[in-house]
């Protein structure tokens, strides 16, 4: 059976990832709200601007309520974890050094990659009255271009993920070495 200390270590790694993803999501939502506010301000007709401002405010309030609920849920999880851990016997410092939680390995969600190419970016214009054969040739060329772009995009993702994994492994190794060094230098003599 896992102790609450183990649960705390797991929770810390998971929480770091969640916090990063929540921050990214929150920044996107805030940017969207800022863009929508500018759009509402640009509306010339006063009545339309008022109606759009009300709709925007209700959207912003709903998003704020969602952020508040997420924060309250995280606070409840941390409070429960603290209560559980307070009831257990303390561990020695060497145990903590051996069980340093490692950050979760990166995923494709952690990559800041360009958007995936789409067919609409490569689709040729529809044929005119007498351009059917030319359209079919350009259609084949567009499909080949899209396939090349998709292959380049996938290679970029693979390369980026490999770099993130290498950085992750280097950080983990550095952390392990630091903890081993601290563990050997802090032993009583």
N, C-alpha and C. Protein backbone atom coordinates (compact mmCIF):
# COMPACT_ATOMS: atom_id res chain seq x y z
N UNK A 1 0.83 -1.17 0.00
CA UNK A 1 0.00 0.00 0.00
C UNK A 1 0.88 1.25 0.00
N UNK A 2 0.47 2.21 -0.77
CA UNK A 2 1.25 3.43 -0.90
C UNK A 2 0.94 4.38 0.25
N UNK A 3 1.98 5.03 0.74
CA UNK A 3 1.79 5.97 1.83
C UNK A 3 1.31 7.31 1.28
N UNK A 4 0.89 8.16 2.17
CA UNK A 4 0.45 9.48 1.72
C UNK A 4 1.64 10.30 1.22
N UNK A 5 2.86 9.97 1.69
CA UNK A 5 4.04 10.66 1.18
C UNK A 5 4.24 10.35 -0.30
N UNK A 6 4.01 9.08 -0.67
CA UNK A 6 4.10 8.70 -2.07
C UNK A 6 3.03 9.43 -2.88
N UNK A 7 1.85 9.51 -2.31
CA UNK A 7 0.76 10.21 -2.99
C UNK A 7 1.10 11.69 -3.15
N UNK A 8 1.74 12.27 -2.15
CA UNK A 8 2.13 13.67 -2.25
C UNK A 8 3.15 13.89 -3.36
N UNK A 9 4.10 12.97 -3.47
CA UNK A 9 5.11 13.09 -4.53
C UNK A 9 4.46 12.98 -5.91
N UNK A 10 3.56 12.02 -6.06
CA UNK A 10 2.85 11.87 -7.34
C UNK A 10 2.00 13.11 -7.62
N UNK A 11 1.35 13.59 -6.58
CA UNK A 11 0.48 14.75 -6.75
C UNK A 11 1.29 15.98 -7.16
N UNK A 12 2.48 16.13 -6.63
CA UNK A 12 3.31 17.29 -6.97
C UNK A 12 3.65 17.30 -8.46
N UNK A 13 4.05 16.15 -9.00
CA UNK A 13 4.40 16.08 -10.42
C UNK A 13 3.17 16.35 -11.29
N UNK A 14 2.05 15.75 -10.92
CA UNK A 14 0.82 15.94 -11.68
C UNK A 14 0.36 17.39 -11.59
N UNK A 15 0.49 17.96 -10.43
CA UNK A 15 0.05 19.34 -10.22
C UNK A 15 0.87 20.33 -11.05
N UNK A 16 2.18 20.08 -11.15
CA UNK A 16 3.02 20.96 -11.99
C UNK A 16 2.54 20.94 -13.43
N UNK A 17 2.25 19.75 -13.94
CA UNK A 17 1.77 19.64 -15.32
C UNK A 17 0.41 20.33 -15.48
N UNK A 18 -0.51 20.05 -14.54
CA UNK A 18 -1.83 20.68 -14.61
C UNK A 18 -1.74 22.19 -14.54
N UNK A 19 -0.86 22.67 -13.66
CA UNK A 19 -0.72 24.11 -13.49
C UNK A 19 -0.22 24.74 -14.79
N UNK A 20 0.72 24.09 -15.46
CA UNK A 20 1.23 24.60 -16.73
C UNK A 20 0.13 24.62 -17.79
N UNK A 21 -0.62 23.52 -17.89
CA UNK A 21 -1.69 23.47 -18.87
C UNK A 21 -2.79 24.46 -18.55
N UNK A 22 -3.13 24.62 -17.26
CA UNK A 22 -4.16 25.57 -16.87
C UNK A 22 -3.72 26.99 -17.17
N UNK A 23 -2.45 27.28 -16.96
CA UNK A 23 -1.93 28.62 -17.26
C UNK A 23 -2.04 28.91 -18.75
N UNK A 24 -1.70 27.93 -19.58
CA UNK A 24 -1.81 28.11 -21.03
C UNK A 24 -3.26 28.34 -21.42
N UNK A 25 -4.16 27.53 -20.88
CA UNK A 25 -5.58 27.68 -21.18
C UNK A 25 -6.09 29.03 -20.72
N UNK A 26 -5.73 29.42 -19.50
CA UNK A 26 -6.17 30.71 -18.96
C UNK A 26 -5.67 31.86 -19.83
N UNK A 27 -4.42 31.79 -20.28
CA UNK A 27 -3.88 32.84 -21.14
C UNK A 27 -4.62 32.92 -22.47
N UNK A 28 -4.98 31.76 -23.03
CA UNK A 28 -5.75 31.76 -24.28
C UNK A 28 -7.12 32.40 -24.08
N UNK A 29 -7.78 32.04 -22.98
CA UNK A 29 -9.11 32.60 -22.70
C UNK A 29 -9.02 34.10 -22.49
N UNK A 30 -8.02 34.54 -21.74
CA UNK A 30 -7.87 35.98 -21.50
C UNK A 30 -7.56 36.73 -22.80
N UNK A 31 -6.75 36.14 -23.66
CA UNK A 31 -6.48 36.77 -24.94
C UNK A 31 -7.74 36.83 -25.79
N UNK A 32 -8.54 35.77 -25.77
CA UNK A 32 -9.79 35.76 -26.52
C UNK A 32 -10.72 36.86 -26.01
N UNK A 33 -10.79 37.00 -24.67
CA UNK A 33 -11.64 38.05 -24.11
C UNK A 33 -11.15 39.44 -24.52
N UNK A 34 -9.85 39.63 -24.53
CA UNK A 34 -9.30 40.93 -24.93
C UNK A 34 -9.64 41.22 -26.40
N UNK A 35 -9.51 40.21 -27.25
CA UNK A 35 -9.85 40.39 -28.66
C UNK A 35 -11.33 40.71 -28.83
N UNK A 36 -12.18 39.99 -28.09
CA UNK A 36 -13.62 40.23 -28.19
C UNK A 36 -13.98 41.62 -27.66
N UNK A 37 -13.30 42.08 -26.63
CA UNK A 37 -13.55 43.42 -26.10
C UNK A 37 -13.22 44.48 -27.15
N UNK A 38 -12.12 44.28 -27.86
CA UNK A 38 -11.77 45.22 -28.93
C UNK A 38 -12.80 45.20 -30.05
N UNK A 39 -13.31 44.00 -30.37
CA UNK A 39 -14.33 43.91 -31.40
C UNK A 39 -15.60 44.63 -30.99
N UNK A 40 -15.99 44.46 -29.73
CA UNK A 40 -17.19 45.13 -29.23
C UNK A 40 -16.99 46.65 -29.26
N UNK A 41 -15.81 47.10 -28.87
CA UNK A 41 -15.54 48.54 -28.86
C UNK A 41 -15.58 49.13 -30.26
N UNK A 42 -15.30 48.32 -31.26
CA UNK A 42 -15.27 48.81 -32.64
C UNK A 42 -16.66 48.90 -33.27
N UNK A 43 -17.68 48.35 -32.62
CA UNK A 43 -19.04 48.40 -33.16
C UNK A 43 -19.54 49.85 -33.07
N UNK A 44 -20.04 50.37 -34.19
CA UNK A 44 -20.43 51.78 -34.23
C UNK A 44 -21.80 52.03 -33.62
N UNK A 45 -22.75 51.16 -33.88
CA UNK A 45 -24.11 51.37 -33.41
C UNK A 45 -24.18 51.10 -31.91
N UNK A 46 -24.65 52.07 -31.16
CA UNK A 46 -24.63 52.01 -29.70
C UNK A 46 -25.45 50.84 -29.14
N UNK A 47 -26.62 50.59 -29.70
CA UNK A 47 -27.48 49.51 -29.21
C UNK A 47 -26.82 48.15 -29.44
N UNK A 48 -26.27 47.96 -30.63
CA UNK A 48 -25.58 46.70 -30.93
C UNK A 48 -24.38 46.51 -30.01
N UNK A 49 -23.64 47.60 -29.79
CA UNK A 49 -22.47 47.52 -28.91
C UNK A 49 -22.88 47.13 -27.50
N UNK A 50 -23.97 47.67 -27.01
CA UNK A 50 -24.46 47.35 -25.66
C UNK A 50 -24.86 45.88 -25.56
N UNK A 51 -25.57 45.40 -26.57
CA UNK A 51 -25.99 43.99 -26.56
C UNK A 51 -24.78 43.06 -26.61
N UNK A 52 -23.82 43.37 -27.46
CA UNK A 52 -22.62 42.54 -27.56
C UNK A 52 -21.80 42.60 -26.27
N UNK A 53 -21.77 43.78 -25.65
CA UNK A 53 -21.03 43.91 -24.39
C UNK A 53 -21.68 43.06 -23.29
N UNK A 54 -23.01 43.01 -23.25
CA UNK A 54 -23.69 42.15 -22.27
C UNK A 54 -23.37 40.68 -22.50
N UNK A 55 -23.43 40.27 -23.76
CA UNK A 55 -23.12 38.87 -24.09
C UNK A 55 -21.68 38.54 -23.72
N UNK A 56 -20.76 39.46 -24.01
CA UNK A 56 -19.36 39.24 -23.67
C UNK A 56 -19.17 39.15 -22.16
N UNK A 57 -19.85 40.00 -21.43
CA UNK A 57 -19.73 39.98 -19.96
C UNK A 57 -20.23 38.66 -19.39
N UNK A 58 -21.35 38.15 -19.92
CA UNK A 58 -21.84 36.86 -19.41
C UNK A 58 -20.86 35.74 -19.72
N UNK A 59 -20.22 35.78 -20.89
CA UNK A 59 -19.20 34.78 -21.24
C UNK A 59 -18.01 34.88 -20.30
N UNK A 60 -17.58 36.12 -20.04
CA UNK A 60 -16.45 36.33 -19.14
C UNK A 60 -16.77 35.87 -17.72
N UNK A 61 -17.99 36.12 -17.26
CA UNK A 61 -18.37 35.69 -15.92
C UNK A 61 -18.41 34.17 -15.83
N UNK A 62 -18.89 33.51 -16.90
CA UNK A 62 -18.92 32.04 -16.90
C UNK A 62 -17.50 31.48 -16.87
N UNK A 63 -16.60 32.08 -17.65
CA UNK A 63 -15.21 31.62 -17.64
C UNK A 63 -14.57 31.85 -16.27
N UNK A 64 -14.86 33.00 -15.67
CA UNK A 64 -14.32 33.29 -14.34
C UNK A 64 -14.84 32.29 -13.31
N UNK A 65 -16.12 31.93 -13.42
CA UNK A 65 -16.68 30.93 -12.50
C UNK A 65 -15.99 29.58 -12.68
N UNK A 66 -15.68 29.23 -13.93
CA UNK A 66 -14.95 27.98 -14.19
C UNK A 66 -13.56 28.00 -13.58
N UNK A 67 -12.86 29.13 -13.72
CA UNK A 67 -11.53 29.26 -13.12
C UNK A 67 -11.61 29.16 -11.59
N UNK A 68 -12.63 29.80 -11.02
CA UNK A 68 -12.80 29.77 -9.57
C UNK A 68 -13.10 28.35 -9.09
N UNK A 69 -13.95 27.64 -9.81
CA UNK A 69 -14.27 26.26 -9.42
C UNK A 69 -13.02 25.37 -9.50
N UNK A 70 -12.21 25.55 -10.54
CA UNK A 70 -10.98 24.76 -10.66
C UNK A 70 -10.02 25.04 -9.52
N UNK A 71 -9.90 26.30 -9.15
CA UNK A 71 -9.02 26.68 -8.04
C UNK A 71 -9.54 26.11 -6.73
N UNK A 72 -10.86 26.17 -6.53
CA UNK A 72 -11.44 25.63 -5.30
C UNK A 72 -11.24 24.11 -5.22
N UNK A 73 -11.38 23.42 -6.34
CA UNK A 73 -11.17 21.97 -6.35
C UNK A 73 -9.71 21.63 -6.03
N UNK A 74 -8.78 22.39 -6.59
CA UNK A 74 -7.36 22.16 -6.30
C UNK A 74 -7.06 22.42 -4.83
N UNK A 75 -7.65 23.47 -4.27
CA UNK A 75 -7.46 23.77 -2.86
C UNK A 75 -8.01 22.63 -1.99
N UNK A 76 -9.16 22.10 -2.36
CA UNK A 76 -9.74 20.98 -1.60
C UNK A 76 -8.84 19.75 -1.67
N UNK A 77 -8.28 19.46 -2.85
CA UNK A 77 -7.38 18.31 -2.99
C UNK A 77 -6.14 18.49 -2.12
N UNK A 78 -5.56 19.69 -2.16
CA UNK A 78 -4.36 19.94 -1.36
C UNK A 78 -4.66 19.89 0.14
N UNK A 79 -5.80 20.40 0.54
CA UNK A 79 -6.17 20.38 1.95
C UNK A 79 -6.34 18.94 2.43
N UNK A 80 -7.00 18.12 1.64
CA UNK A 80 -7.20 16.71 2.01
C UNK A 80 -5.87 15.98 2.07
N UNK A 81 -5.00 16.26 1.13
CA UNK A 81 -3.68 15.63 1.11
C UNK A 81 -2.87 16.04 2.35
N UNK A 82 -2.96 17.29 2.73
CA UNK A 82 -2.27 17.76 3.91
C UNK A 82 -2.81 17.10 5.18
N UNK A 83 -4.12 16.98 5.27
CA UNK A 83 -4.72 16.31 6.45
C UNK A 83 -4.25 14.87 6.55
N UNK A 84 -4.23 14.18 5.41
CA UNK A 84 -3.82 12.78 5.39
C UNK A 84 -2.35 12.65 5.79
N UNK A 85 -1.50 13.50 5.21
CA UNK A 85 -0.06 13.41 5.49
C UNK A 85 0.26 13.79 6.93
N UNK A 86 -0.51 14.67 7.51
CA UNK A 86 -0.24 15.10 8.89
C UNK A 86 -0.45 13.95 9.87
N UNK A 87 -1.26 12.99 9.51
CA UNK A 87 -1.53 11.86 10.40
C UNK A 87 -0.50 10.74 10.32
N UNK A 88 0.44 10.82 9.38
CA UNK A 88 1.43 9.77 9.24
C UNK A 88 2.72 10.12 9.97
N UNK A 89 3.51 9.09 10.20
CA UNK A 89 4.80 9.33 10.86
C UNK A 89 5.76 9.99 9.88
N UNK A 90 6.65 10.84 10.38
CA UNK A 90 7.59 11.53 9.49
C UNK A 90 8.62 10.56 8.92
N UNK A 91 9.17 10.93 7.77
CA UNK A 91 10.22 10.14 7.13
C UNK A 91 11.55 10.83 7.34
N UNK A 92 12.60 10.10 7.16
CA UNK A 92 13.91 10.73 7.28
C UNK A 92 14.31 11.40 5.96
N UNK A 93 15.28 12.27 6.02
CA UNK A 93 15.69 13.06 4.87
C UNK A 93 16.24 12.18 3.74
N UNK A 94 16.92 11.10 4.09
CA UNK A 94 17.47 10.20 3.07
C UNK A 94 16.34 9.58 2.24
N UNK A 95 15.23 9.25 2.89
CA UNK A 95 14.09 8.68 2.16
C UNK A 95 13.58 9.68 1.13
N UNK A 96 13.50 10.95 1.50
CA UNK A 96 13.03 11.96 0.56
C UNK A 96 13.99 12.13 -0.60
N UNK A 97 15.28 12.06 -0.33
CA UNK A 97 16.26 12.20 -1.41
C UNK A 97 16.17 11.05 -2.40
N UNK A 98 15.92 9.85 -1.88
CA UNK A 98 15.79 8.69 -2.77
C UNK A 98 14.51 8.77 -3.59
N UNK A 99 13.48 9.40 -3.06
CA UNK A 99 12.17 9.40 -3.69
C UNK A 99 11.77 10.77 -4.23
N UNK A 100 12.73 11.50 -4.73
CA UNK A 100 12.42 12.80 -5.31
C UNK A 100 11.49 12.58 -6.49
N UNK A 101 10.36 13.26 -6.49
CA UNK A 101 9.45 13.06 -7.62
C UNK A 101 10.06 13.61 -8.89
N UNK A 102 9.99 12.81 -9.90
CA UNK A 102 10.51 13.21 -11.20
C UNK A 102 9.37 13.85 -11.97
N UNK A 103 9.68 14.90 -12.68
CA UNK A 103 8.66 15.51 -13.53
C UNK A 103 8.15 14.48 -14.52
N UNK A 104 6.89 14.61 -14.86
CA UNK A 104 6.32 13.71 -15.87
C UNK A 104 7.01 14.00 -17.20
N UNK A 105 7.27 12.97 -18.00
CA UNK A 105 7.92 13.19 -19.29
C UNK A 105 7.04 14.05 -20.20
N UNK A 106 7.65 14.81 -21.10
CA UNK A 106 6.87 15.69 -21.97
C UNK A 106 6.03 14.89 -22.96
N UNK A 107 4.97 15.53 -23.40
CA UNK A 107 4.08 14.94 -24.41
C UNK A 107 3.96 15.91 -25.57
N UNK A 108 3.21 15.53 -26.59
CA UNK A 108 2.99 16.41 -27.73
C UNK A 108 2.27 17.69 -27.31
N UNK A 109 1.50 17.64 -26.22
CA UNK A 109 0.81 18.84 -25.73
C UNK A 109 1.80 19.90 -25.26
N UNK A 110 3.01 19.50 -24.90
CA UNK A 110 4.01 20.44 -24.39
C UNK A 110 4.78 21.14 -25.51
N UNK A 111 4.58 20.69 -26.74
CA UNK A 111 5.29 21.29 -27.87
C UNK A 111 4.60 22.56 -28.34
N UNK A 112 5.41 23.54 -28.67
CA UNK A 112 4.88 24.75 -29.30
C UNK A 112 5.13 24.60 -30.79
N UNK A 113 4.27 23.85 -31.44
CA UNK A 113 4.46 23.51 -32.85
C UNK A 113 3.50 24.32 -33.72
N UNK A 114 3.87 24.52 -34.97
CA UNK A 114 2.95 25.21 -35.89
C UNK A 114 1.72 24.33 -36.11
N UNK A 115 0.62 24.94 -36.53
CA UNK A 115 -0.59 24.15 -36.74
C UNK A 115 -0.41 23.13 -37.86
N UNK A 116 -1.14 22.06 -37.76
CA UNK A 116 -1.07 20.98 -38.76
C UNK A 116 -1.61 21.50 -40.09
N UNK A 117 -0.91 21.22 -41.19
CA UNK A 117 -1.40 21.66 -42.51
C UNK A 117 -2.77 21.04 -42.81
N UNK A 118 -3.60 21.81 -43.48
CA UNK A 118 -4.96 21.35 -43.81
C UNK A 118 -5.17 21.42 -45.31
N UNK A 119 -6.12 20.63 -45.76
CA UNK A 119 -6.41 20.55 -47.18
C UNK A 119 -6.81 21.91 -47.74
N UNK A 120 -7.50 22.72 -46.95
CA UNK A 120 -7.98 24.01 -47.45
C UNK A 120 -6.82 24.93 -47.84
N UNK A 121 -5.63 24.71 -47.28
CA UNK A 121 -4.47 25.52 -47.63
C UNK A 121 -3.88 25.14 -48.99
N UNK A 122 -4.19 23.95 -49.46
CA UNK A 122 -3.58 23.44 -50.69
C UNK A 122 -4.59 23.20 -51.81
N UNK A 123 -5.86 23.24 -51.50
CA UNK A 123 -6.89 22.91 -52.49
C UNK A 123 -6.86 23.91 -53.65
N UNK A 124 -6.86 23.40 -54.87
CA UNK A 124 -6.88 24.32 -56.01
C UNK A 124 -8.28 24.94 -56.15
N UNK A 125 -8.35 26.07 -56.83
CA UNK A 125 -9.67 26.68 -57.03
C UNK A 125 -10.53 25.76 -57.90
N UNK A 126 -11.84 25.81 -57.74
CA UNK A 126 -12.71 24.93 -58.54
C UNK A 126 -12.55 25.22 -60.04
N UNK A 127 -12.79 24.20 -60.85
CA UNK A 127 -12.58 24.38 -62.30
C UNK A 127 -13.61 25.35 -62.89
N UNK A 128 -13.14 26.02 -63.93
CA UNK A 128 -14.06 26.89 -64.67
C UNK A 128 -14.85 26.07 -65.66
N UNK A 129 -15.34 26.74 -66.66
CA UNK A 129 -16.17 26.08 -67.65
C UNK A 129 -15.39 25.05 -68.47
N UNK A 130 -14.11 25.38 -68.82
CA UNK A 130 -13.33 24.47 -69.65
C UNK A 130 -12.00 24.08 -69.00
N UNK A 131 -11.95 23.92 -67.72
CA UNK A 131 -10.68 23.65 -67.06
C UNK A 131 -10.64 22.34 -66.30
N UNK A 132 -11.42 21.37 -66.69
CA UNK A 132 -11.51 20.13 -65.93
C UNK A 132 -10.18 19.37 -65.85
N UNK A 133 -9.49 19.21 -66.97
CA UNK A 133 -8.23 18.45 -66.96
C UNK A 133 -7.15 19.20 -66.18
N UNK A 134 -7.08 20.51 -66.37
CA UNK A 134 -6.11 21.30 -65.62
C UNK A 134 -6.40 21.21 -64.12
N UNK A 135 -7.69 21.22 -63.78
CA UNK A 135 -8.08 21.11 -62.38
C UNK A 135 -7.64 19.75 -61.81
N UNK A 136 -7.82 18.68 -62.55
CA UNK A 136 -7.41 17.36 -62.08
C UNK A 136 -5.90 17.29 -61.87
N UNK A 137 -5.13 17.92 -62.76
CA UNK A 137 -3.67 17.95 -62.59
C UNK A 137 -3.29 18.75 -61.35
N UNK A 138 -3.92 19.90 -61.20
CA UNK A 138 -3.60 20.73 -60.02
C UNK A 138 -4.09 20.05 -58.73
N UNK A 139 -5.14 19.26 -58.82
CA UNK A 139 -5.64 18.51 -57.67
C UNK A 139 -4.61 17.47 -57.23
N UNK A 140 -4.02 16.75 -58.20
CA UNK A 140 -2.98 15.77 -57.89
C UNK A 140 -1.75 16.45 -57.29
N UNK A 141 -1.38 17.58 -57.85
CA UNK A 141 -0.23 18.33 -57.34
C UNK A 141 -0.50 18.83 -55.92
N UNK A 142 -1.70 19.32 -55.67
CA UNK A 142 -2.05 19.82 -54.33
C UNK A 142 -2.04 18.68 -53.31
N UNK A 143 -2.53 17.52 -53.70
CA UNK A 143 -2.50 16.37 -52.78
C UNK A 143 -1.06 15.99 -52.43
N UNK A 144 -0.19 15.99 -53.44
CA UNK A 144 1.22 15.67 -53.20
C UNK A 144 1.86 16.72 -52.28
N UNK A 145 1.55 18.00 -52.53
CA UNK A 145 2.08 19.07 -51.68
C UNK A 145 1.60 18.92 -50.24
N UNK A 146 0.33 18.58 -50.06
CA UNK A 146 -0.22 18.39 -48.71
C UNK A 146 0.46 17.20 -48.02
N UNK A 147 0.65 16.11 -48.77
CA UNK A 147 1.34 14.95 -48.18
C UNK A 147 2.75 15.32 -47.73
N UNK A 148 3.47 16.09 -48.56
CA UNK A 148 4.82 16.54 -48.18
C UNK A 148 4.78 17.42 -46.94
N UNK A 149 3.82 18.34 -46.90
CA UNK A 149 3.71 19.25 -45.75
C UNK A 149 3.36 18.47 -44.48
N UNK A 150 2.48 17.49 -44.59
CA UNK A 150 2.13 16.67 -43.43
C UNK A 150 3.34 15.87 -42.94
N UNK A 151 4.11 15.34 -43.87
CA UNK A 151 5.32 14.58 -43.49
C UNK A 151 6.33 15.50 -42.80
N UNK A 152 6.52 16.72 -43.34
CA UNK A 152 7.43 17.68 -42.69
C UNK A 152 6.92 18.04 -41.30
N UNK A 153 5.62 18.25 -41.18
CA UNK A 153 5.03 18.60 -39.88
C UNK A 153 5.26 17.47 -38.88
N UNK A 154 5.04 16.24 -39.29
CA UNK A 154 5.24 15.10 -38.39
C UNK A 154 6.71 14.98 -37.97
N UNK A 155 7.63 15.21 -38.94
CA UNK A 155 9.06 15.17 -38.59
C UNK A 155 9.41 16.28 -37.60
N UNK A 156 8.81 17.46 -37.77
CA UNK A 156 9.05 18.57 -36.85
C UNK A 156 8.57 18.20 -35.45
N UNK A 157 7.39 17.59 -35.36
CA UNK A 157 6.88 17.16 -34.06
C UNK A 157 7.78 16.11 -33.42
N UNK A 158 8.22 15.14 -34.21
CA UNK A 158 9.10 14.10 -33.68
C UNK A 158 10.40 14.69 -33.17
N UNK A 159 10.97 15.60 -33.95
CA UNK A 159 12.24 16.24 -33.56
C UNK A 159 12.05 17.07 -32.29
N UNK A 160 10.96 17.85 -32.24
CA UNK A 160 10.70 18.67 -31.06
C UNK A 160 10.49 17.83 -29.82
N UNK A 161 9.74 16.73 -29.95
CA UNK A 161 9.51 15.85 -28.81
C UNK A 161 10.81 15.18 -28.37
N UNK A 162 11.64 14.81 -29.33
CA UNK A 162 12.93 14.20 -28.98
C UNK A 162 13.79 15.20 -28.20
N UNK A 163 13.78 16.47 -28.62
CA UNK A 163 14.54 17.49 -27.89
C UNK A 163 14.00 17.67 -26.48
N UNK A 164 12.67 17.73 -26.35
CA UNK A 164 12.08 17.87 -25.01
C UNK A 164 12.42 16.68 -24.12
N UNK A 165 12.40 15.48 -24.69
CA UNK A 165 12.74 14.28 -23.92
C UNK A 165 14.20 14.34 -23.48
N UNK A 166 15.10 14.77 -24.37
CA UNK A 166 16.51 14.88 -24.01
C UNK A 166 16.70 15.90 -22.88
N UNK A 167 16.01 17.02 -22.96
CA UNK A 167 16.09 18.02 -21.90
C UNK A 167 15.53 17.47 -20.59
N UNK A 168 14.44 16.72 -20.69
CA UNK A 168 13.82 16.12 -19.51
C UNK A 168 14.78 15.14 -18.84
N UNK A 169 15.41 14.29 -19.64
CA UNK A 169 16.35 13.31 -19.09
C UNK A 169 17.57 14.01 -18.47
N UNK A 170 18.05 15.07 -19.12
CA UNK A 170 19.20 15.81 -18.58
C UNK A 170 18.83 16.45 -17.24
N UNK A 171 17.62 17.05 -17.14
CA UNK A 171 17.19 17.65 -15.87
C UNK A 171 17.06 16.59 -14.79
N UNK A 172 16.48 15.44 -15.14
CA UNK A 172 16.30 14.37 -14.16
C UNK A 172 17.65 13.85 -13.66
N UNK A 173 18.59 13.69 -14.59
CA UNK A 173 19.92 13.22 -14.20
C UNK A 173 20.62 14.25 -13.32
N UNK A 174 20.50 15.52 -13.66
CA UNK A 174 21.10 16.58 -12.85
C UNK A 174 20.48 16.59 -11.45
N UNK A 175 19.17 16.49 -11.38
CA UNK A 175 18.49 16.48 -10.07
C UNK A 175 18.94 15.29 -9.24
N UNK A 176 19.05 14.12 -9.90
CA UNK A 176 19.50 12.93 -9.18
C UNK A 176 20.91 13.13 -8.63
N UNK A 177 21.81 13.68 -9.47
CA UNK A 177 23.19 13.91 -9.02
C UNK A 177 23.25 14.92 -7.88
N UNK A 178 22.47 15.97 -7.96
CA UNK A 178 22.44 16.98 -6.90
C UNK A 178 21.97 16.34 -5.60
N UNK A 179 20.93 15.55 -5.67
CA UNK A 179 20.41 14.91 -4.46
C UNK A 179 21.39 13.88 -3.89
N UNK A 180 22.09 13.17 -4.77
CA UNK A 180 23.09 12.23 -4.27
C UNK A 180 24.24 12.98 -3.61
N UNK A 181 24.63 14.11 -4.20
CA UNK A 181 25.72 14.92 -3.63
C UNK A 181 25.30 15.47 -2.27
N UNK A 182 24.09 15.98 -2.19
CA UNK A 182 23.59 16.51 -0.91
C UNK A 182 23.52 15.40 0.12
N UNK A 183 23.09 14.22 -0.34
CA UNK A 183 22.96 13.09 0.58
C UNK A 183 24.30 12.64 1.13
N UNK A 184 25.37 12.71 0.32
CA UNK A 184 26.69 12.26 0.80
C UNK A 184 27.36 13.33 1.64
N UNK A 185 27.07 14.61 1.38
CA UNK A 185 27.74 15.66 2.14
C UNK A 185 27.03 15.97 3.44
N UNK A 186 25.74 15.61 3.57
CA UNK A 186 25.01 15.98 4.79
C UNK A 186 24.94 14.84 5.81
N UNK A 187 25.61 13.73 5.54
CA UNK A 187 25.59 12.63 6.51
C UNK A 187 26.40 13.01 7.75
N UNK A 188 25.93 12.63 8.91
CA UNK A 188 26.70 12.93 10.11
C UNK A 188 28.00 12.14 10.13
N UNK A 189 29.04 12.74 10.65
CA UNK A 189 30.35 12.06 10.66
C UNK A 189 30.68 11.59 12.02
